[in-house]
Amino acid sequence: KKKKKKNVFASQFYAPWCGHCKKLEPVWNEVGIEMKNMGSPVKVGKMDATSFSSIASEFGVRGYPTIKLLKGDLAYNYRGPRTKDDIIEFANRVAGPLIRPLPSQHLFEHVKKRHRVLFVYVGGESPLKEKYIEVASELIVYTYFFSASEDVLPEYVTLPELPAVVVFKDGASFVSDEYEDGDLSSWINRERFQGYLNVDGFTLYELGDTGKLVAIAVIDDKNSSVEHTRLKSIIQEVARDYRDHFHRDFQFGHMDGNDYINSLLMDDLTIPTIVVLNTSNQQYFLPDRHIENTEDMVQFINNILDGTAEAQGGDGFLQRIKRIIYDAKSTVMSVFKSSPLLGCFLFGLPLGVISIMCYGICTADTDGGVDEHEAAKKENGDRELTDEGSEEEQEEERNGKYTELSDGELTQKDIMEKKKD
C-alpha cells in the first residue's frame, strides 16, 4: 500500500496592525503564486493571529510576522531573510526528505555546485547514521543533508574510517571528529556556514546559535579605497589560512555600512574598522591599535582568546538601562526624521496635555492654599473674639469674681468672730 502523503503547509501568522506584516504581504503573495506554478506540494496560506489567538499560541507564535512550515505533526520556524527566493528555498528543503541520497558521482558534483555548504553521510546503517537523521530533523531548517557511498566521493577526499560525516565548503572537505569537535549536532551547527560571510542582520542573528565570536570588517562595499579593501582582505586571509586555529571559536566576514552595527553596539563606529562580537552576551571587542596586516589581526584574536583584550558592552543592568534609553531615543528620532508633523502630533500633543494638567493642578493647589489660609485666619479671629467677649461681659465677669471673693471673705470673718465668742 502506498503511504499517505503528509500535508505540508507554509503559513504566515500576522497581525493586521503590524507594519512588517504589511511589508511582507506582496512577497508572500509572490511565494504562493510561484509555489503553485512549480507544482510544489506545499500549500501557502496565512492566518490572522489576533483573530485565532489560541491556534497562534499553540504554535508558539510570539511576534509578527512569523513564518512556519507545518509538516505532519512538526512545525519548523523560518528565520532567514524575508525574500521570495529564500522563503521558497526553505519551503522546498523542509518539505522534502530529511536525507537525500546521492547515487552517482555525476549527481554529487551537480549538487555540490548548487550548495555552498554540503553535509554528506558516508557509510551503511549504523548508530552514527541514526544520530545523523536525528540532527537532520532538527537542523533541516538551515541546510541540506545527503548520503552517499564512498565511491561516489571525489578521489581527493580521504576518510580515516567509515562511517563518517563530511562537510564540503570553501573548496575543501572536513570530517567530523567526535573527540575534537564534540557531538555531531554541535559540529554541524558550527559548520553550516562558510568560513567567510557577507554578514547582515539575519545572518548575525543565526550566528548567535553557533556559540562563535564573530569577527567583522565593517566597510563600505561601494568604497574601493585601499583601506576598505585591505581590511576585508585581512579578514578573508585569516579565515582561510588560520582555519585550524580559529574555526571552532570564530566566524569571519564583513558588513556593508555601520548603521546596523552602531544600533547594536549603541556607539558610532567610524568605518572602515574591525569589531569582534560575542552574540551570547552582547559584548564586543575593538582593536587597541590599527590593524595593518594579517599578523596584527591574529594577535588581536589571540588577545581575545587569552582574556587580555578588553571587552565592552555586555548584558548587565546598566547596559539594559542604556539600551532602553537608546531605543527610545532612536524611535523618537526616526519618527521625526521620517515625518516631522506626525512626530509633533504623537509626542507634542501628549506633552501639551500633560503640561496643561500639571498647570491646572498647581493652580488649584495655590488657590486652595489661599482659601484655607483665609479661612483659618477668620476662624482664629472669631475664636479670639469669642474668648475675649464684649466689654460688658468682661465687666460682669470681674464683678462676679469680686462678689465671689467678697462673699468668701465675709464667710471667713463670721467664722473668726464665732471663734472669739
Protein backbone atom coordinates (compact mmCIF):
# COMPACT_ATOMS: atom_id res chain seq x y z
CA LYS A 1 0.00 0.00 0.00
CA LYS A 2 1.14 3.49 -0.76
CA LYS A 3 1.96 5.63 2.22
CA LYS A 4 -0.36 8.54 2.70
CA LYS A 5 1.45 11.80 1.98
CA LYS A 6 1.78 14.21 4.86
CA ASN A 7 0.12 17.55 4.41
CA VAL A 8 2.66 20.36 4.16
CA PHE A 9 1.68 23.98 4.73
CA ALA A 10 3.69 27.18 4.67
CA SER A 11 1.82 29.59 6.92
CA GLN A 12 2.38 33.21 7.79
CA PHE A 13 0.99 34.32 11.15
CA TYR A 14 0.31 38.05 11.01
CA ALA A 15 -1.43 40.92 12.79
CA PRO A 16 -3.50 43.48 10.81
CA TRP A 17 -1.77 46.42 12.54
CA CYS A 18 1.79 45.09 12.03
CA GLY A 19 3.90 47.21 9.66
CA HIS A 20 6.38 44.40 8.98
CA CYS A 21 3.47 42.12 8.03
CA LYS A 22 2.19 44.66 5.52
CA LYS A 23 5.68 44.92 4.05
CA LEU A 24 5.88 41.12 3.70
CA GLU A 25 2.41 40.77 2.13
CA PRO A 26 3.40 41.32 -1.54
CA VAL A 27 6.40 38.99 -1.12
CA TRP A 28 4.20 36.34 0.47
CA ASN A 29 1.71 36.59 -2.40
CA GLU A 30 4.56 36.02 -4.89
CA VAL A 31 5.67 32.99 -2.89
CA GLY A 32 2.19 31.48 -3.11
CA ILE A 33 1.90 32.07 -6.85
CA GLU A 34 5.33 30.64 -7.69
CA MET A 35 4.93 27.60 -5.43
CA LYS A 36 1.64 26.83 -7.15
CA ASN A 37 3.10 27.30 -10.64
CA MET A 38 6.02 24.94 -9.96
CA GLY A 39 3.64 22.24 -8.72
CA SER A 40 5.02 22.22 -5.19
CA PRO A 41 3.17 20.07 -2.63
CA VAL A 42 3.47 22.93 -0.15
CA LYS A 43 0.22 24.84 0.36
CA VAL A 44 0.81 28.51 1.08
CA GLY A 45 -1.55 30.48 3.31
CA LYS A 46 -1.72 32.97 6.15
CA MET A 47 -3.61 33.41 9.41
CA ASP A 48 -4.63 36.43 11.45
CA ALA A 49 -3.05 35.57 14.79
CA THR A 50 -5.15 38.18 16.60
CA SER A 51 -8.42 36.53 15.49
CA PHE A 52 -7.15 32.98 16.08
CA SER A 53 -5.03 33.62 19.14
CA SER A 54 -5.48 30.12 20.56
CA ILE A 55 -4.07 28.50 17.40
CA ALA A 56 -1.21 31.00 17.26
CA SER A 57 -0.44 30.28 20.91
CA GLU A 58 -0.49 26.54 20.23
CA PHE A 59 2.21 27.00 17.57
CA GLY A 60 4.29 29.25 19.82
CA VAL A 61 3.82 32.48 17.85
CA ARG A 62 5.33 35.35 19.85
CA GLY A 63 5.96 38.00 17.19
CA TYR A 64 4.73 39.15 13.82
CA PRO A 65 5.14 38.13 11.13
CA THR A 66 6.05 34.52 11.96
CA ILE A 67 6.61 32.05 9.13
CA LYS A 68 6.25 28.34 9.86
CA LEU A 69 6.27 25.25 7.71
CA LEU A 70 3.87 22.63 9.06
CA LYS A 71 4.81 19.09 8.06
CA GLY A 72 2.64 16.44 9.64
CA ASP A 73 2.95 16.89 13.39
CA LEU A 74 6.10 19.02 13.13
CA ALA A 75 6.37 22.81 12.87
CA TYR A 76 9.56 24.41 11.52
CA ASN A 77 10.34 28.10 12.09
CA TYR A 78 11.74 30.22 9.27
CA ARG A 79 14.31 32.76 10.48
CA GLY A 80 16.05 33.77 7.27
CA PRO A 81 15.78 36.84 5.02
CA ARG A 82 12.22 37.69 4.01
CA THR A 83 12.74 37.45 0.29
CA LYS A 84 10.78 35.34 -2.19
CA ASP A 85 13.71 33.13 -3.22
CA ASP A 86 14.89 32.46 0.33
CA ILE A 87 11.40 31.54 1.57
CA ILE A 88 10.75 29.23 -1.40
CA GLU A 89 14.13 27.53 -0.94
CA PHE A 90 13.34 26.98 2.75
CA ALA A 91 9.90 25.53 1.97
CA ASN A 92 11.22 23.11 -0.66
CA ARG A 93 14.10 22.00 1.58
CA VAL A 94 11.95 21.27 4.63
CA ALA A 95 9.07 19.74 2.64
CA GLY A 96 11.38 17.19 1.02
CA PRO A 97 13.08 14.15 2.57
CA LEU A 98 15.38 14.66 5.54
CA ILE A 99 18.24 12.71 3.93
CA ARG A 100 18.65 12.95 0.16
CA PRO A 101 20.62 10.09 -1.44
CA LEU A 102 23.42 10.75 -3.98
CA PRO A 103 23.67 7.53 -6.01
CA SER A 104 26.23 8.73 -8.57
CA GLN A 105 29.34 10.86 -8.80
CA HIS A 106 27.68 12.96 -11.51
CA LEU A 107 24.76 13.81 -9.20
CA PHE A 108 27.19 14.51 -6.37
CA GLU A 109 29.09 17.06 -8.49
CA HIS A 110 25.80 18.65 -9.61
CA VAL A 111 24.57 19.08 -6.01
CA LYS A 112 27.97 20.30 -4.85
CA LYS A 113 27.89 23.15 -7.38
CA ARG A 114 24.43 24.22 -6.18
CA HIS A 115 25.24 24.33 -2.46
CA ARG A 116 27.93 26.37 -0.79
CA VAL A 117 27.81 24.08 2.26
CA LEU A 118 27.10 20.37 1.80
CA PHE A 119 26.78 17.72 4.55
CA VAL A 120 27.15 14.08 3.48
CA TYR A 121 26.88 10.87 5.49
CA VAL A 122 29.13 8.16 4.09
CA GLY A 123 28.58 4.52 5.02
CA GLY A 124 25.87 1.99 5.74
CA GLU A 125 23.45 1.53 8.61
CA SER A 126 25.00 2.48 11.94
CA PRO A 127 24.35 4.37 15.20
CA LEU A 128 26.10 7.35 13.57
CA LYS A 129 23.52 7.35 10.77
CA GLU A 130 20.69 7.30 13.32
CA LYS A 131 22.28 10.29 15.03
CA TYR A 132 22.71 11.98 11.64
CA ILE A 133 18.99 11.55 10.89
CA GLU A 134 18.11 12.93 14.32
CA VAL A 135 20.27 16.02 13.77
CA ALA A 136 18.83 16.49 10.28
CA SER A 137 15.28 16.59 11.66
CA GLU A 138 16.36 19.47 13.89
CA LEU A 139 18.61 21.46 11.54
CA ILE A 140 16.89 20.92 8.18
CA VAL A 141 15.61 24.50 8.57
CA TYR A 142 19.19 25.68 7.96
CA THR A 143 20.83 23.31 5.49
CA TYR A 144 20.52 20.18 3.34
CA PHE A 145 21.58 16.68 4.39
CA PHE A 146 22.74 13.99 1.94
CA SER A 147 24.04 10.42 2.00
CA ALA A 148 26.39 8.62 -0.36
CA SER A 149 28.72 5.65 -0.68
CA GLU A 150 32.49 6.12 -0.54
CA ASP A 151 32.99 5.50 -4.28
CA VAL A 152 30.71 8.46 -5.11
CA LEU A 153 33.05 10.97 -3.45
CA PRO A 154 35.92 12.63 -5.33
CA GLU A 155 39.30 10.94 -5.19
CA TYR A 156 40.87 13.73 -3.17
CA VAL A 157 38.57 13.01 -0.22
CA THR A 158 40.24 10.70 2.25
CA LEU A 159 38.28 9.30 5.19
CA PRO A 160 40.11 7.94 8.24
CA GLU A 161 37.29 5.48 8.89
CA LEU A 162 33.71 4.61 7.99
CA PRO A 163 31.00 5.57 8.68
CA ALA A 164 31.74 9.29 8.61
CA VAL A 165 30.06 12.67 8.21
CA VAL A 166 31.78 15.11 5.85
CA VAL A 167 31.13 18.77 5.13
CA PHE A 168 32.13 20.26 1.76
CA LYS A 169 32.70 24.02 1.77
CA ASP A 170 35.27 26.70 0.98
CA GLY A 171 36.77 24.47 -1.71
CA ALA A 172 37.71 21.74 0.76
CA SER A 173 36.24 18.90 2.82
CA PHE A 174 36.29 18.42 6.60
CA VAL A 175 35.41 15.27 8.54
CA SER A 176 33.61 15.30 11.86
CA ASP A 177 35.73 14.12 14.78
CA GLU A 178 33.74 13.43 17.91
CA TYR A 179 36.80 13.64 20.18
CA GLU A 180 37.92 17.06 18.92
CA ASP A 181 34.63 18.59 17.71
CA GLY A 182 32.16 17.31 20.29
CA ASP A 183 28.78 15.81 19.50
CA LEU A 184 27.53 15.71 15.92
CA SER A 185 24.75 18.26 16.41
CA SER A 186 27.13 20.92 17.76
CA TRP A 187 29.63 20.27 14.97
CA ILE A 188 27.05 20.58 12.18
CA ASN A 189 25.58 23.69 13.80
CA ARG A 190 29.02 25.34 13.82
CA GLU A 191 29.99 24.19 10.31
CA ARG A 192 26.78 25.12 8.48
CA PHE A 193 28.25 28.48 7.43
CA GLN A 194 31.07 29.22 5.06
CA GLY A 195 34.32 30.31 6.66
CA TYR A 196 33.83 33.88 5.38
CA LEU A 197 30.43 35.57 5.03
CA ASN A 198 28.78 38.77 3.92
CA VAL A 199 27.12 39.42 7.29
CA ASP A 200 23.76 41.16 7.64
CA GLY A 201 21.25 41.36 10.47
CA PHE A 202 19.59 38.00 9.72
CA THR A 203 22.93 36.20 9.36
CA LEU A 204 24.23 37.69 12.60
CA TYR A 205 21.07 36.55 14.36
CA GLU A 206 21.59 32.96 13.12
CA LEU A 207 25.28 33.03 14.02
CA GLY A 208 24.24 33.51 17.63
CA ASP A 209 23.18 29.84 17.71
CA THR A 210 26.67 28.63 16.82
CA GLY A 211 28.28 29.96 20.01
CA LYS A 212 31.11 31.52 18.00
CA LEU A 213 32.58 35.00 18.23
CA VAL A 214 32.05 36.95 15.02
CA ALA A 215 35.00 38.93 13.60
CA ILE A 216 33.70 41.53 11.14
CA ALA A 217 35.33 44.08 8.88
CA VAL A 218 32.83 46.97 8.85
CA ILE A 219 33.31 48.63 5.47
CA ASP A 220 31.52 50.40 2.65
CA ASP A 221 31.15 47.96 -0.26
CA LYS A 222 30.84 50.85 -2.70
CA ASN A 223 34.08 52.38 -1.49
CA SER A 224 37.02 50.92 -3.43
CA SER A 225 39.72 52.75 -1.49
CA VAL A 226 42.78 50.87 -0.28
CA GLU A 227 41.78 50.93 3.40
CA HIS A 228 38.34 49.36 2.84
CA THR A 229 39.62 46.59 0.58
CA ARG A 230 42.67 45.95 2.81
CA LEU A 231 40.66 45.23 5.97
CA LYS A 232 38.33 42.95 4.04
CA SER A 233 41.31 41.05 2.59
CA ILE A 234 42.88 40.67 6.04
CA ILE A 235 39.73 39.03 7.45
CA GLN A 236 39.49 36.72 4.41
CA GLU A 237 43.11 35.64 4.77
CA VAL A 238 42.72 34.85 8.46
CA ALA A 239 39.54 32.85 7.80
CA ARG A 240 41.30 30.83 5.09
CA ASP A 241 44.86 30.42 6.37
CA TYR A 242 44.15 30.05 10.09
CA ARG A 243 41.07 27.83 9.93
CA ASP A 244 42.66 25.06 12.02
CA HIS A 245 43.46 27.58 14.76
CA PHE A 246 40.25 29.60 14.96
CA HIS A 247 37.30 27.91 13.19
CA ARG A 248 35.92 26.36 16.40
CA ASP A 249 35.71 29.73 18.14
CA PHE A 250 35.42 32.36 15.39
CA GLN A 251 33.27 33.18 12.40
CA PHE A 252 34.67 35.70 9.90
CA GLY A 253 33.03 38.10 7.49
CA HIS A 254 32.35 41.70 6.54
CA MET A 255 29.36 44.02 6.92
CA ASP A 256 28.36 46.72 4.48
CA GLY A 257 27.84 50.02 6.32
CA ASN A 258 27.82 50.80 10.02
CA ASP A 259 24.13 51.62 10.64
CA TYR A 260 23.22 48.17 11.96
CA ILE A 261 26.42 47.73 13.95
CA ASN A 262 26.00 51.19 15.52
CA SER A 263 22.50 50.34 16.74
CA LEU A 264 23.76 47.01 18.05
CA LEU A 265 26.70 48.48 19.95
CA MET A 266 24.95 51.78 20.84
CA ASP A 267 28.08 53.51 19.57
CA ASP A 268 29.23 55.34 16.44
CA LEU A 269 31.95 53.32 14.73
CA THR A 270 33.92 55.11 12.05
CA ILE A 271 34.36 52.87 9.00
CA PRO A 272 36.40 51.09 7.89
CA THR A 273 37.06 49.27 11.15
CA ILE A 274 37.16 45.81 12.70
CA VAL A 275 34.95 44.61 15.53
CA VAL A 276 34.56 41.22 17.21
CA LEU A 277 31.09 40.42 18.58
CA ASN A 278 30.05 37.97 21.27
CA THR A 279 26.38 37.45 20.41
CA SER A 280 25.74 35.33 23.51
CA ASN A 281 26.26 38.18 25.99
CA GLN A 282 26.28 41.27 23.71
CA GLN A 283 29.92 42.05 24.45
CA TYR A 284 32.25 43.34 21.76
CA PHE A 285 35.96 43.93 21.26
CA LEU A 286 37.68 46.74 19.37
CA PRO A 287 41.40 46.61 18.48
CA ASP A 288 43.53 48.86 20.68
CA ARG A 289 45.75 49.72 17.72
CA HIS A 290 45.47 49.97 13.95
CA ILE A 291 45.27 46.61 12.15
CA GLU A 292 47.97 46.83 9.48
CA ASN A 293 48.24 43.20 8.36
CA THR A 294 47.26 39.59 8.99
CA GLU A 295 49.71 39.24 11.87
CA ASP A 296 48.07 42.16 13.70
CA MET A 297 44.65 40.53 13.28
CA VAL A 298 45.92 37.17 14.52
CA GLN A 299 47.44 38.87 17.57
CA PHE A 300 44.13 40.67 18.25
CA ILE A 301 42.24 37.35 18.11
CA ASN A 302 44.75 35.65 20.42
CA ASN A 303 44.38 38.52 22.90
CA ILE A 304 40.63 37.90 22.95
CA LEU A 305 41.11 34.16 23.47
CA ASP A 306 43.57 34.58 26.35
CA GLY A 307 41.47 37.30 28.02
CA THR A 308 43.91 40.21 27.68
CA ALA A 309 41.67 42.16 25.27
CA GLU A 310 39.19 44.49 26.99
CA ALA A 311 35.53 43.56 26.50
CA GLN A 312 32.97 46.33 26.11
CA GLY A 313 29.18 46.31 26.25
CA GLY A 314 27.51 43.26 27.76
CA ASP A 315 24.06 42.45 29.11
CA GLY A 316 24.41 43.87 32.63
CA PHE A 317 21.83 46.06 34.39
CA LEU A 318 23.39 49.38 33.36
CA GLN A 319 23.68 48.22 29.76
CA ARG A 320 19.99 47.27 29.75
CA ILE A 321 19.04 50.70 31.03
CA LYS A 322 21.26 52.23 28.36
CA ARG A 323 19.55 50.06 25.74
CA ILE A 324 16.08 51.23 26.81
CA ILE A 325 17.14 54.87 26.63
CA TYR A 326 18.93 54.36 23.31
CA ASP A 327 15.96 52.55 21.73
CA ALA A 328 13.52 55.21 22.93
CA LYS A 329 15.74 57.97 21.58
CA SER A 330 16.19 56.17 18.26
CA THR A 331 12.44 55.65 17.92
CA VAL A 332 11.68 59.33 18.54
CA MET A 333 14.41 60.47 16.15
CA SER A 334 13.29 58.09 13.41
CA VAL A 335 9.68 59.26 13.69
CA PHE A 336 10.66 62.95 13.50
CA LYS A 337 13.08 62.24 10.65
CA SER A 338 10.53 60.37 8.54
CA SER A 339 7.54 62.58 9.35
CA PRO A 340 8.05 65.75 11.42
CA LEU A 341 4.31 66.53 11.52
CA LEU A 342 3.47 63.04 12.74
CA GLY A 343 6.22 63.31 15.37
CA CYS A 344 4.84 66.62 16.63
CA PHE A 345 1.37 65.10 16.83
CA LEU A 346 2.45 61.87 18.57
CA PHE A 347 4.79 63.45 21.09
CA GLY A 348 3.83 67.14 21.19
CA LEU A 349 0.11 66.61 21.85
CA PRO A 350 0.54 64.30 24.88
CA LEU A 351 3.21 66.60 26.33
CA GLY A 352 0.90 69.59 25.86
CA VAL A 353 -1.99 67.82 27.58
CA ILE A 354 0.25 66.74 30.46
CA SER A 355 1.58 70.30 30.81
CA ILE A 356 -1.95 71.74 30.96
CA MET A 357 -2.96 69.15 33.57
CA CYS A 358 0.11 69.92 35.69
CA TYR A 359 -0.56 73.65 35.43
CA GLY A 360 -4.17 73.11 36.46
CA ILE A 361 -3.19 71.01 39.45
CA CYS A 362 -0.59 73.53 40.61
CA THR A 363 -3.04 76.43 40.19
CA ALA A 364 -5.74 74.57 42.08
CA ASP A 365 -3.38 73.86 44.96
CA THR A 366 -2.31 77.53 45.19
CA ASP A 367 -5.91 78.85 45.23
CA GLY A 368 -6.89 76.23 47.73
CA GLY A 369 -3.96 77.18 49.97
CA VAL A 370 -5.04 80.85 49.97
CA ASP A 371 -8.63 79.94 50.77
CA GLU A 372 -7.52 77.70 53.61
CA HIS A 373 -5.27 80.44 54.97
CA GLU A 374 -8.08 83.00 54.86
CA ALA A 375 -10.49 80.55 56.46
CA ALA A 376 -8.00 79.72 59.19
CA LYS A 377 -7.35 83.42 59.82
CA LYS A 378 -11.07 84.10 60.02
CA GLU A 379 -11.59 81.16 62.36
CA ASN A 380 -8.79 82.33 64.64
CA GLY A 381 -10.26 85.83 64.67
CA ASP A 382 -13.69 84.50 65.64
CA ARG A 383 -12.12 82.37 68.31
CA GLU A 384 -10.25 85.38 69.77
CA LEU A 385 -13.39 87.45 69.66
CA THR A 386 -15.38 84.70 71.38
CA ASP A 387 -12.79 84.08 74.07
CA GLU A 388 -12.32 87.79 74.82
CA GLY A 389 -16.02 88.70 74.80
CA SER A 390 -17.53 92.17 74.91
CA GLU A 391 -16.65 94.83 77.49
CA GLU A 392 -19.94 94.28 79.31
CA GLU A 393 -19.27 90.55 79.55
CA GLN A 394 -15.78 91.22 80.87
CA GLU A 395 -17.15 93.71 83.43
CA GLU A 396 -19.75 91.21 84.57
CA GLU A 397 -17.06 88.57 84.86
CA ARG A 398 -14.89 90.86 87.01
CA ASN A 399 -17.87 91.74 89.23
CA GLY A 400 -18.68 88.09 89.55
CA LYS A 401 -15.17 87.32 90.72
CA TYR A 402 -15.29 90.25 93.17
CA THR A 403 -18.62 89.14 94.55
CA GLU A 404 -17.44 85.60 94.99
CA LEU A 405 -14.28 86.80 96.70
CA SER A 406 -16.19 89.21 98.95
CA ASP A 407 -18.62 86.51 99.97
CA GLY A 408 -15.69 84.28 100.76
CA GLU A 409 -14.03 86.92 102.87
CA LEU A 410 -17.31 87.61 104.77
CA THR A 411 -17.78 83.98 105.48
CA GLN A 412 -14.26 83.69 106.87
CA LYS A 413 -14.81 86.83 109.04
CA ASP A 414 -18.01 85.35 110.55
CA ILE A 415 -16.12 82.17 111.44
CA MET A 416 -13.35 84.09 113.20
CA GLU A 417 -15.87 86.14 115.21
CA LYS A 418 -17.63 82.97 116.30
CA LYS A 419 -14.32 81.51 117.47
CA LYS A 420 -13.72 84.62 119.60
CA ASP A 421 -17.13 84.34 121.17
